[in-house]
Amino acid sequence: MQDKNNTQYFKVEKEPEIKVKDVLDIVYHALSEKGYNPVNQIVGYIMSGDPTYITSHNNARSLIMKVERDELVEEILKEYIKTNSWQ
């Protein structure tokens, strides 16, 4: 029986943080495996916010919805600039 006079503690375990780059990689491969054009599907998702552009295969849809769309664009742009440096 619990003591009603003392404060009870409740601890929620956090899910491990997954990097945006890793989310994009998982989603890209899941879309490819299912026969979709990953670039078109990811662009469709970013532009519309509609998660049905992303397959649920390998939990890709759930993963991409944990990341803000502007973070996806930021990561894609950073990688583009890194590989196509104009300097």
N, C-alpha and C. Protein backbone atom coordinates (compact mmCIF):
# COMPACT_ATOMS: atom_id res chain seq x y z
N MET A 1 0.84 -1.18 0.00
CA MET A 1 0.00 0.00 0.00
C MET A 1 0.88 1.25 0.00
N GLN A 2 0.51 2.24 -0.81
CA GLN A 2 1.32 3.46 -0.92
C GLN A 2 0.98 4.45 0.18
N ASP A 3 2.01 5.18 0.61
CA ASP A 3 1.84 6.22 1.61
C ASP A 3 1.32 7.47 0.90
N LYS A 4 0.13 7.92 1.21
CA LYS A 4 -0.51 9.06 0.54
C LYS A 4 0.06 10.41 1.01
N ASN A 5 0.92 10.38 2.00
CA ASN A 5 1.48 11.63 2.51
C ASN A 5 2.79 12.01 1.82
N ASN A 6 3.39 11.09 1.10
CA ASN A 6 4.66 11.36 0.43
C ASN A 6 4.44 11.53 -1.07
N THR A 7 5.28 12.35 -1.66
CA THR A 7 5.23 12.56 -3.10
C THR A 7 5.77 11.32 -3.80
N GLN A 8 5.03 10.87 -4.80
CA GLN A 8 5.47 9.73 -5.59
C GLN A 8 6.30 10.23 -6.77
N TYR A 9 7.26 9.46 -7.18
CA TYR A 9 8.12 9.81 -8.31
C TYR A 9 7.71 9.02 -9.54
N PHE A 10 7.75 9.70 -10.65
CA PHE A 10 7.44 9.06 -11.91
C PHE A 10 8.51 9.50 -12.89
N LYS A 11 9.18 8.55 -13.51
CA LYS A 11 10.25 8.87 -14.44
C LYS A 11 9.91 8.31 -15.81
N VAL A 12 9.97 9.18 -16.81
CA VAL A 12 9.71 8.78 -18.18
C VAL A 12 11.06 8.64 -18.88
N GLU A 13 11.25 7.49 -19.49
CA GLU A 13 12.48 7.26 -20.24
C GLU A 13 12.36 7.95 -21.60
N LYS A 14 13.37 8.75 -21.95
CA LYS A 14 13.37 9.41 -23.24
C LYS A 14 13.81 8.44 -24.32
N GLU A 15 13.21 8.61 -25.49
CA GLU A 15 13.66 7.83 -26.63
C GLU A 15 15.02 8.36 -27.05
N PRO A 16 15.89 7.49 -27.54
CA PRO A 16 17.20 7.99 -27.99
C PRO A 16 17.01 8.96 -29.15
N GLU A 17 17.77 10.05 -29.11
CA GLU A 17 17.70 11.06 -30.18
C GLU A 17 18.27 10.47 -31.46
N ILE A 18 17.58 10.68 -32.53
CA ILE A 18 18.08 10.25 -33.83
C ILE A 18 18.34 11.50 -34.66
N LYS A 19 19.46 11.52 -35.32
CA LYS A 19 19.86 12.69 -36.10
C LYS A 19 18.99 12.81 -37.35
N VAL A 20 18.79 14.05 -37.77
CA VAL A 20 17.97 14.33 -38.97
C VAL A 20 18.56 13.60 -40.18
N LYS A 21 19.89 13.62 -40.28
CA LYS A 21 20.57 12.96 -41.39
C LYS A 21 20.23 11.46 -41.40
N ASP A 22 20.20 10.84 -40.22
CA ASP A 22 19.88 9.41 -40.14
C ASP A 22 18.42 9.15 -40.51
N VAL A 23 17.53 10.04 -40.11
CA VAL A 23 16.12 9.91 -40.48
C VAL A 23 15.97 9.96 -42.00
N LEU A 24 16.62 10.93 -42.62
CA LEU A 24 16.54 11.04 -44.08
C LEU A 24 17.11 9.79 -44.76
N ASP A 25 18.18 9.26 -44.23
CA ASP A 25 18.79 8.06 -44.80
C ASP A 25 17.84 6.86 -44.70
N ILE A 26 17.24 6.68 -43.54
CA ILE A 26 16.30 5.56 -43.34
C ILE A 26 15.09 5.71 -44.26
N VAL A 27 14.54 6.92 -44.32
CA VAL A 27 13.36 7.17 -45.15
C VAL A 27 13.70 6.97 -46.63
N TYR A 28 14.84 7.48 -47.05
CA TYR A 28 15.26 7.33 -48.45
C TYR A 28 15.34 5.85 -48.83
N HIS A 29 15.98 5.06 -47.99
CA HIS A 29 16.13 3.64 -48.30
C HIS A 29 14.80 2.88 -48.24
N ALA A 30 13.95 3.25 -47.30
CA ALA A 30 12.65 2.60 -47.20
C ALA A 30 11.81 2.87 -48.45
N LEU A 31 11.84 4.12 -48.92
CA LEU A 31 11.10 4.47 -50.13
C LEU A 31 11.66 3.74 -51.35
N SER A 32 12.98 3.67 -51.43
CA SER A 32 13.62 2.95 -52.54
C SER A 32 13.24 1.47 -52.53
N GLU A 33 13.29 0.86 -51.36
CA GLU A 33 12.95 -0.56 -51.23
C GLU A 33 11.52 -0.86 -51.69
N LYS A 34 10.63 0.09 -51.49
CA LYS A 34 9.23 -0.11 -51.88
C LYS A 34 8.96 0.31 -53.32
N GLY A 35 10.01 0.78 -54.02
CA GLY A 35 9.86 1.11 -55.43
C GLY A 35 9.43 2.54 -55.73
N TYR A 36 9.45 3.39 -54.74
CA TYR A 36 9.09 4.79 -54.95
C TYR A 36 10.33 5.60 -55.35
N ASN A 37 10.09 6.76 -55.95
CA ASN A 37 11.17 7.71 -56.20
C ASN A 37 11.34 8.50 -54.91
N PRO A 38 12.41 8.25 -54.15
CA PRO A 38 12.55 8.87 -52.83
C PRO A 38 12.61 10.39 -52.86
N VAL A 39 13.26 10.95 -53.87
CA VAL A 39 13.37 12.41 -53.95
C VAL A 39 11.98 13.02 -54.12
N ASN A 40 11.21 12.50 -55.05
CA ASN A 40 9.86 13.04 -55.27
C ASN A 40 8.99 12.91 -54.03
N GLN A 41 9.06 11.76 -53.38
CA GLN A 41 8.23 11.52 -52.21
C GLN A 41 8.61 12.43 -51.04
N ILE A 42 9.91 12.59 -50.81
CA ILE A 42 10.35 13.46 -49.70
C ILE A 42 10.00 14.92 -49.99
N VAL A 43 10.17 15.34 -51.25
CA VAL A 43 9.78 16.71 -51.61
C VAL A 43 8.28 16.89 -51.41
N GLY A 44 7.50 15.92 -51.82
CA GLY A 44 6.05 16.00 -51.61
C GLY A 44 5.70 16.15 -50.15
N TYR A 45 6.38 15.40 -49.30
CA TYR A 45 6.14 15.50 -47.86
C TYR A 45 6.54 16.87 -47.32
N ILE A 46 7.72 17.34 -47.71
CA ILE A 46 8.20 18.64 -47.21
C ILE A 46 7.26 19.76 -47.65
N MET A 47 6.82 19.73 -48.89
CA MET A 47 5.96 20.80 -49.42
C MET A 47 4.56 20.78 -48.81
N SER A 48 4.02 19.59 -48.59
CA SER A 48 2.62 19.51 -48.15
C SER A 48 2.45 19.23 -46.66
N GLY A 49 3.42 18.54 -46.07
CA GLY A 49 3.26 18.10 -44.69
C GLY A 49 2.41 16.85 -44.56
N ASP A 50 2.01 16.28 -45.68
CA ASP A 50 1.16 15.09 -45.70
C ASP A 50 2.04 13.84 -45.53
N PRO A 51 1.93 13.15 -44.40
CA PRO A 51 2.80 12.00 -44.15
C PRO A 51 2.54 10.80 -45.06
N THR A 52 1.43 10.82 -45.81
CA THR A 52 1.16 9.68 -46.69
C THR A 52 2.11 9.65 -47.89
N TYR A 53 2.91 10.68 -48.09
CA TYR A 53 3.95 10.64 -49.12
C TYR A 53 5.07 9.68 -48.72
N ILE A 54 5.15 9.35 -47.45
CA ILE A 54 6.22 8.50 -46.92
C ILE A 54 5.65 7.14 -46.55
N THR A 55 6.33 6.10 -46.99
CA THR A 55 5.90 4.74 -46.69
C THR A 55 6.04 4.44 -45.20
N SER A 56 5.22 3.54 -44.73
CA SER A 56 5.35 3.12 -43.33
C SER A 56 6.37 1.98 -43.20
N HIS A 57 6.89 1.51 -44.34
CA HIS A 57 7.91 0.45 -44.36
C HIS A 57 9.11 0.88 -43.51
N ASN A 58 9.60 -0.02 -42.69
CA ASN A 58 10.73 0.23 -41.79
C ASN A 58 10.50 1.43 -40.86
N ASN A 59 9.24 1.70 -40.54
CA ASN A 59 8.88 2.78 -39.62
C ASN A 59 9.25 4.17 -40.14
N ALA A 60 9.43 4.30 -41.46
CA ALA A 60 9.89 5.56 -42.05
C ALA A 60 8.92 6.71 -41.80
N ARG A 61 7.63 6.46 -41.91
CA ARG A 61 6.65 7.53 -41.72
C ARG A 61 6.68 8.07 -40.29
N SER A 62 6.73 7.17 -39.34
CA SER A 62 6.78 7.60 -37.92
C SER A 62 8.05 8.39 -37.64
N LEU A 63 9.16 7.94 -38.21
CA LEU A 63 10.43 8.63 -37.98
C LEU A 63 10.42 10.04 -38.55
N ILE A 64 9.96 10.17 -39.80
CA ILE A 64 10.04 11.50 -40.43
C ILE A 64 9.10 12.49 -39.76
N MET A 65 8.01 11.98 -39.17
CA MET A 65 7.08 12.89 -38.49
C MET A 65 7.63 13.40 -37.16
N LYS A 66 8.70 12.81 -36.66
CA LYS A 66 9.34 13.29 -35.42
C LYS A 66 10.27 14.47 -35.68
N VAL A 67 10.51 14.76 -36.96
CA VAL A 67 11.42 15.84 -37.34
C VAL A 67 10.61 16.96 -37.99
N GLU A 68 10.89 18.19 -37.61
CA GLU A 68 10.21 19.33 -38.24
C GLU A 68 10.64 19.43 -39.70
N ARG A 69 9.72 19.82 -40.56
CA ARG A 69 10.03 19.89 -41.99
C ARG A 69 11.14 20.90 -42.28
N ASP A 70 11.19 22.00 -41.54
CA ASP A 70 12.26 22.97 -41.78
C ASP A 70 13.62 22.38 -41.41
N GLU A 71 13.66 21.46 -40.45
CA GLU A 71 14.92 20.78 -40.12
C GLU A 71 15.36 19.86 -41.25
N LEU A 72 14.40 19.25 -41.93
CA LEU A 72 14.73 18.41 -43.08
C LEU A 72 15.35 19.25 -44.19
N VAL A 73 14.72 20.39 -44.48
CA VAL A 73 15.24 21.28 -45.52
C VAL A 73 16.64 21.77 -45.13
N GLU A 74 16.82 22.14 -43.87
CA GLU A 74 18.12 22.62 -43.40
C GLU A 74 19.20 21.56 -43.59
N GLU A 75 18.90 20.32 -43.23
CA GLU A 75 19.89 19.24 -43.36
C GLU A 75 20.23 18.98 -44.82
N ILE A 76 19.22 18.96 -45.67
CA ILE A 76 19.45 18.74 -47.10
C ILE A 76 20.30 19.86 -47.68
N LEU A 77 20.01 21.11 -47.31
CA LEU A 77 20.76 22.25 -47.82
C LEU A 77 22.20 22.24 -47.31
N LYS A 78 22.40 21.90 -46.04
CA LYS A 78 23.76 21.82 -45.49
C LYS A 78 24.59 20.79 -46.24
N GLU A 79 24.01 19.62 -46.51
CA GLU A 79 24.73 18.57 -47.24
C GLU A 79 25.02 19.01 -48.68
N TYR A 80 24.07 19.69 -49.30
CA TYR A 80 24.27 20.17 -50.65
C TYR A 80 25.42 21.16 -50.71
N ILE A 81 25.42 22.11 -49.79
CA ILE A 81 26.48 23.12 -49.76
C ILE A 81 27.83 22.49 -49.46
N LYS A 82 27.84 21.52 -48.56
CA LYS A 82 29.10 20.85 -48.20
C LYS A 82 29.69 20.13 -49.40
N THR A 83 28.86 19.49 -50.21
CA THR A 83 29.38 18.72 -51.34
C THR A 83 29.54 19.54 -52.61
N ASN A 84 28.94 20.71 -52.65
CA ASN A 84 29.02 21.57 -53.84
C ASN A 84 29.51 22.95 -53.45
N SER A 85 30.57 22.99 -52.69
CA SER A 85 31.08 24.25 -52.17
C SER A 85 31.50 25.17 -53.32
N TRP A 86 31.08 26.40 -53.21
CA TRP A 86 31.40 27.41 -54.23
C TRP A 86 32.67 28.17 -53.89
N GLN A 87 33.35 27.76 -52.87
CA GLN A 87 34.55 28.50 -52.43
C GLN A 87 35.76 28.14 -53.23
